[in-house]
Amino acid sequence: MNPFHKTTIGKPKIWLIEAAAEIGLDYSKLSHEVTNDFKEHVEKRHGQGKLAITDSDFDKIPEIIRKPDLAIIGTIRKGELRNVYVKMENGITYLYFDKVLDSNRNKALRGCTFYKIVKQLDMENLERIVTMNGISDLSKVKKIIAAGSHPGGEA
């Protein structure tokens, strides 16, 4: 087993900080990060078959979180605050989920799962995916529809 390792992939963009603030969350002191545990989870759960996540897909994460086509900010799942970002390109839809860590030890938006599907999504279908487990609460979320442009301008 590998020792735990995390990699920072950037600070939240203004659109995300502002969207979170609209629902009472402060993301301004957080950083986006992924861990080796995240990568191992994704490779194990979503790394096989026709739509397997590849190394080049992992390279897309910074762009997915910078300019998503759709996003749901502030989902609560099993008591954890989470966000989902969607990027659609070339007939493939990427879904990247992170969880909010805001403690004395960790201040991060840490990747928790990542997969792709062959289906264009609208917000209604994204909500259906996020809530299909029956344990995700979307009652206080901020929904972002960016239609391929930057959700909050050029920040």
C-alpha atoms as a PDB file:
ATOM      1  CA  MET A   1       0.000   0.000   0.000  1.00  0.00           C
ATOM      2  CA  ASN A   2       1.285   3.432  -0.939  1.00  0.00           C
ATOM      3  CA  PRO A   3       1.662   6.171   1.656  1.00  0.00           C
ATOM      4  CA  PHE A   4      -0.989   8.884   1.451  1.00  0.00           C
ATOM      5  CA  HIS A   5      -0.081  11.643  -0.994  1.00  0.00           C
ATOM      6  CA  LYS A   6      -2.059  14.693  -2.096  1.00  0.00           C
ATOM      7  CA  THR A   7      -1.556  17.018  -5.043  1.00  0.00           C
ATOM      8  CA  THR A   8      -2.922  20.564  -5.178  1.00  0.00           C
ATOM      9  CA  ILE A   9      -4.464  21.352  -8.565  1.00  0.00           C
ATOM     10  CA  GLY A  10      -5.378  24.986  -7.994  1.00  0.00           C
ATOM     11  CA  LYS A  11      -7.445  27.485  -6.088  1.00  0.00           C
ATOM     12  CA  PRO A  12     -11.201  27.773  -6.624  1.00  0.00           C
ATOM     13  CA  LYS A  13     -12.141  30.235  -9.354  1.00  0.00           C
ATOM     14  CA  ILE A  14     -14.207  33.317  -8.548  1.00  0.00           C
ATOM     15  CA  TRP A  15     -17.391  31.772 -10.002  1.00  0.00           C
ATOM     16  CA  LEU A  16     -17.127  28.868  -7.519  1.00  0.00           C
ATOM     17  CA  ILE A  17     -16.318  31.072  -4.512  1.00  0.00           C
ATOM     18  CA  GLU A  18     -19.288  33.305  -5.368  1.00  0.00           C
ATOM     19  CA  ALA A  19     -21.664  30.364  -5.972  1.00  0.00           C
ATOM     20  CA  ALA A  20     -20.691  28.817  -2.630  1.00  0.00           C
ATOM     21  CA  ALA A  21     -21.100  32.178  -0.847  1.00  0.00           C
ATOM     22  CA  GLU A  22     -24.665  32.444  -2.198  1.00  0.00           C
ATOM     23  CA  ILE A  23     -25.570  29.374  -0.113  1.00  0.00           C
ATOM     24  CA  GLY A  24     -23.550  30.388   2.953  1.00  0.00           C
ATOM     25  CA  LEU A  25     -20.320  28.497   2.242  1.00  0.00           C
ATOM     26  CA  ASP A  26     -16.817  29.960   2.248  1.00  0.00           C
ATOM     27  CA  TYR A  27     -14.510  28.299  -0.287  1.00  0.00           C
ATOM     28  CA  SER A  28     -12.071  31.241  -0.453  1.00  0.00           C
ATOM     29  CA  LYS A  29      -9.408  29.600   1.738  1.00  0.00           C
ATOM     30  CA  LEU A  30      -9.667  26.149   0.134  1.00  0.00           C
ATOM     31  CA  SER A  31      -7.622  24.523  -2.632  1.00  0.00           C
ATOM     32  CA  HIS A  32      -8.620  21.866  -5.136  1.00  0.00           C
ATOM     33  CA  GLU A  33      -6.666  18.670  -4.559  1.00  0.00           C
ATOM     34  CA  VAL A  34      -6.543  15.031  -5.532  1.00  0.00           C
ATOM     35  CA  THR A  35      -4.937  12.182  -3.634  1.00  0.00           C
ATOM     36  CA  ASN A  36      -3.424   8.855  -4.536  1.00  0.00           C
ATOM     37  CA  ASP A  37      -6.413   7.249  -2.745  1.00  0.00           C
ATOM     38  CA  PHE A  38      -8.754   9.125  -5.113  1.00  0.00           C
ATOM     39  CA  LYS A  39      -6.823   7.955  -8.154  1.00  0.00           C
ATOM     40  CA  GLU A  40      -6.764   4.347  -6.893  1.00  0.00           C
ATOM     41  CA  HIS A  41     -10.533   4.478  -6.229  1.00  0.00           C
ATOM     42  CA  VAL A  42     -11.263   5.829  -9.709  1.00  0.00           C
ATOM     43  CA  GLU A  43      -8.989   3.296 -11.428  1.00  0.00           C
ATOM     44  CA  LYS A  44     -10.548   0.437  -9.442  1.00  0.00           C
ATOM     45  CA  ARG A  45     -14.194   1.505  -9.857  1.00  0.00           C
ATOM     46  CA  HIS A  46     -14.121   3.336 -13.212  1.00  0.00           C
ATOM     47  CA  GLY A  47     -10.922   2.178 -14.875  1.00  0.00           C
ATOM     48  CA  GLN A  48     -12.239  -0.778 -16.860  1.00  0.00           C
ATOM     49  CA  GLY A  49     -14.490  -1.248 -19.850  1.00  0.00           C
ATOM     50  CA  LYS A  50     -15.410   0.908 -22.790  1.00  0.00           C
ATOM     51  CA  LEU A  51     -15.621   4.097 -20.741  1.00  0.00           C
ATOM     52  CA  ALA A  52     -12.572   3.509 -18.568  1.00  0.00           C
ATOM     53  CA  ILE A  53     -10.961   6.555 -17.002  1.00  0.00           C
ATOM     54  CA  THR A  54      -7.418   6.886 -18.367  1.00  0.00           C
ATOM     55  CA  ASP A  55      -4.363   8.895 -17.331  1.00  0.00           C
ATOM     56  CA  SER A  56      -5.237  11.506 -19.971  1.00  0.00           C
ATOM     57  CA  ASP A  57      -8.711  11.836 -18.417  1.00  0.00           C
ATOM     58  CA  PHE A  58      -7.127  12.695 -15.046  1.00  0.00           C
ATOM     59  CA  ASP A  59      -5.302  15.506 -16.880  1.00  0.00           C
ATOM     60  CA  LYS A  60      -8.712  17.030 -17.729  1.00  0.00           C
ATOM     61  CA  ILE A  61      -9.714  17.619 -14.097  1.00  0.00           C
ATOM     62  CA  PRO A  62      -8.265  21.162 -13.829  1.00  0.00           C
ATOM     63  CA  GLU A  63     -10.260  22.246 -16.890  1.00  0.00           C
ATOM     64  CA  ILE A  64     -13.421  20.491 -15.665  1.00  0.00           C
ATOM     65  CA  ILE A  65     -13.354  22.401 -12.363  1.00  0.00           C
ATOM     66  CA  ARG A  66     -12.296  25.666 -14.011  1.00  0.00           C
ATOM     67  CA  LYS A  67     -15.004  25.764 -16.691  1.00  0.00           C
ATOM     68  CA  PRO A  68     -17.729  23.171 -16.106  1.00  0.00           C
ATOM     69  CA  ASP A  69     -20.793  23.004 -18.326  1.00  0.00           C
ATOM     70  CA  LEU A  70     -22.909  22.146 -15.284  1.00  0.00           C
ATOM     71  CA  ALA A  71     -22.198  22.157 -11.562  1.00  0.00           C
ATOM     72  CA  ILE A  72     -24.077  21.498  -8.343  1.00  0.00           C
ATOM     73  CA  ILE A  73     -22.457  23.145  -5.344  1.00  0.00           C
ATOM     74  CA  GLY A  74     -23.258  22.166  -1.756  1.00  0.00           C
ATOM     75  CA  THR A  75     -24.785  18.703  -2.033  1.00  0.00           C
ATOM     76  CA  ILE A  76     -24.889  16.847   1.282  1.00  0.00           C
ATOM     77  CA  ARG A  77     -24.179  13.104   1.121  1.00  0.00           C
ATOM     78  CA  LYS A  78     -23.748  11.036   4.280  1.00  0.00           C
ATOM     79  CA  GLY A  79     -23.145  14.236   6.233  1.00  0.00           C
ATOM     80  CA  GLU A  80     -20.388  15.397   3.868  1.00  0.00           C
ATOM     81  CA  LEU A  81     -20.555  18.545   1.789  1.00  0.00           C
ATOM     82  CA  ARG A  82     -19.856  17.782  -1.884  1.00  0.00           C
ATOM     83  CA  ASN A  83     -19.772  19.410  -5.302  1.00  0.00           C
ATOM     84  CA  VAL A  84     -20.171  17.924  -8.751  1.00  0.00           C
ATOM     85  CA  TYR A  85     -18.761  19.371 -11.966  1.00  0.00           C
ATOM     86  CA  VAL A  86     -19.715  18.243 -15.478  1.00  0.00           C
ATOM     87  CA  LYS A  87     -17.820  18.807 -18.714  1.00  0.00           C
ATOM     88  CA  MET A  88     -19.146  17.591 -22.064  1.00  0.00           C
ATOM     89  CA  GLU A  89     -16.863  17.197 -25.059  1.00  0.00           C
ATOM     90  CA  ASN A  90     -16.747  15.022 -28.165  1.00  0.00           C
ATOM     91  CA  GLY A  91     -19.762  12.944 -27.136  1.00  0.00           C
ATOM     92  CA  ILE A  92     -18.321  12.135 -23.688  1.00  0.00           C
ATOM     93  CA  THR A  93     -19.598  13.599 -20.423  1.00  0.00           C
ATOM     94  CA  TYR A  94     -17.137  13.774 -17.524  1.00  0.00           C
ATOM     95  CA  LEU A  95     -18.481  13.861 -13.956  1.00  0.00           C
ATOM     96  CA  TYR A  96     -16.054  14.929 -11.249  1.00  0.00           C
ATOM     97  CA  PHE A  97     -17.073  14.986  -7.579  1.00  0.00           C
ATOM     98  CA  ASP A  98     -15.193  16.571  -4.700  1.00  0.00           C
ATOM     99  CA  LYS A  99     -15.827  16.812  -0.989  1.00  0.00           C
ATOM    100  CA  VAL A 100     -15.326  19.896   1.137  1.00  0.00           C
ATOM    101  CA  LEU A 101     -12.748  19.591   3.904  1.00  0.00           C
ATOM    102  CA  ASP A 102     -12.676  22.656   6.132  1.00  0.00           C
ATOM    103  CA  SER A 103     -10.969  21.729   9.364  1.00  0.00           C
ATOM    104  CA  ASN A 104      -7.831  22.877  11.140  1.00  0.00           C
ATOM    105  CA  ARG A 105      -5.904  20.060   9.421  1.00  0.00           C
ATOM    106  CA  ASN A 106      -7.404  20.100   5.927  1.00  0.00           C
ATOM    107  CA  LYS A 107      -8.762  22.989   3.902  1.00  0.00           C
ATOM    108  CA  ALA A 108      -9.510  21.484   0.540  1.00  0.00           C
ATOM    109  CA  LEU A 109     -11.960  20.562  -2.164  1.00  0.00           C
ATOM    110  CA  ARG A 110     -10.694  16.987  -2.408  1.00  0.00           C
ATOM    111  CA  GLY A 111     -11.562  14.745  -5.339  1.00  0.00           C
ATOM    112  CA  CYS A 112     -13.710  11.780  -4.314  1.00  0.00           C
ATOM    113  CA  THR A 113     -14.851  10.216  -7.612  1.00  0.00           C
ATOM    114  CA  PHE A 114     -14.583  10.722 -11.347  1.00  0.00           C
ATOM    115  CA  TYR A 115     -16.184   8.905 -14.257  1.00  0.00           C
ATOM    116  CA  LYS A 116     -17.532   9.423 -17.732  1.00  0.00           C
ATOM    117  CA  ILE A 117     -20.681   8.513 -19.607  1.00  0.00           C
ATOM    118  CA  VAL A 118     -21.849   8.668 -23.216  1.00  0.00           C
ATOM    119  CA  LYS A 119     -24.810  10.950 -22.687  1.00  0.00           C
ATOM    120  CA  GLN A 120     -25.229  14.688 -22.839  1.00  0.00           C
ATOM    121  CA  LEU A 121     -26.671  15.963 -19.568  1.00  0.00           C
ATOM    122  CA  ASP A 122     -28.968  18.786 -18.638  1.00  0.00           C
ATOM    123  CA  MET A 123     -29.461  19.898 -15.027  1.00  0.00           C
ATOM    124  CA  GLU A 124     -32.494  17.657 -14.517  1.00  0.00           C
ATOM    125  CA  ASN A 125     -30.551  14.543 -15.555  1.00  0.00           C
ATOM    126  CA  LEU A 126     -27.546  15.580 -13.459  1.00  0.00           C
ATOM    127  CA  GLU A 127     -29.797  15.954 -10.406  1.00  0.00           C
ATOM    128  CA  ARG A 128     -31.197  12.475 -11.092  1.00  0.00           C
ATOM    129  CA  ILE A 129     -27.667  11.009 -11.173  1.00  0.00           C
ATOM    130  CA  VAL A 130     -26.621  12.799  -7.971  1.00  0.00           C
ATOM    131  CA  THR A 131     -29.732  11.704  -6.052  1.00  0.00           C
ATOM    132  CA  MET A 132     -30.103   8.168  -7.420  1.00  0.00           C
ATOM    133  CA  ASN A 133     -28.462   6.715  -4.309  1.00  0.00           C
ATOM    134  CA  GLY A 134     -31.278   8.176  -2.199  1.00  0.00           C
ATOM    135  CA  ILE A 135     -28.815   9.645   0.306  1.00  0.00           C
ATOM    136  CA  SER A 136     -27.890  12.971  -1.315  1.00  0.00           C
ATOM    137  CA  ASP A 137     -29.646  16.138  -0.189  1.00  0.00           C
ATOM    138  CA  LEU A 138     -29.970  18.882  -2.803  1.00  0.00           C
ATOM    139  CA  SER A 139     -32.277  21.129  -0.775  1.00  0.00           C
ATOM    140  CA  LYS A 140     -29.718  23.924  -0.238  1.00  0.00           C
ATOM    141  CA  VAL A 141     -27.524  23.644  -3.328  1.00  0.00           C
ATOM    142  CA  LYS A 142     -26.477  26.217  -5.895  1.00  0.00           C
ATOM    143  CA  LYS A 143     -26.944  24.991  -9.467  1.00  0.00           C
ATOM    144  CA  ILE A 144     -24.756  26.337 -12.246  1.00  0.00           C
ATOM    145  CA  ILE A 145     -25.590  26.045 -15.932  1.00  0.00           C
ATOM    146  CA  ALA A 146     -22.782  27.436 -18.017  1.00  0.00           C
ATOM    147  CA  ALA A 147     -23.557  26.050 -21.473  1.00  0.00           C
ATOM    148  CA  GLY A 148     -19.876  25.579 -22.248  1.00  0.00           C
ATOM    149  CA  SER A 149     -18.806  29.061 -21.216  1.00  0.00           C
ATOM    150  CA  HIS A 150     -17.159  30.102 -18.008  1.00  0.00           C
ATOM    151  CA  PRO A 151     -19.882  30.027 -15.338  1.00  0.00           C
ATOM    152  CA  GLY A 152     -18.930  33.313 -13.736  1.00  0.00           C
ATOM    153  CA  GLY A 153     -17.147  35.333 -16.350  1.00  0.00           C
ATOM    154  CA  GLU A 154     -13.420  35.289 -16.958  1.00  0.00           C
ATOM    155  CA  ALA A 155     -12.143  34.959 -13.403  1.00  0.00           C
END
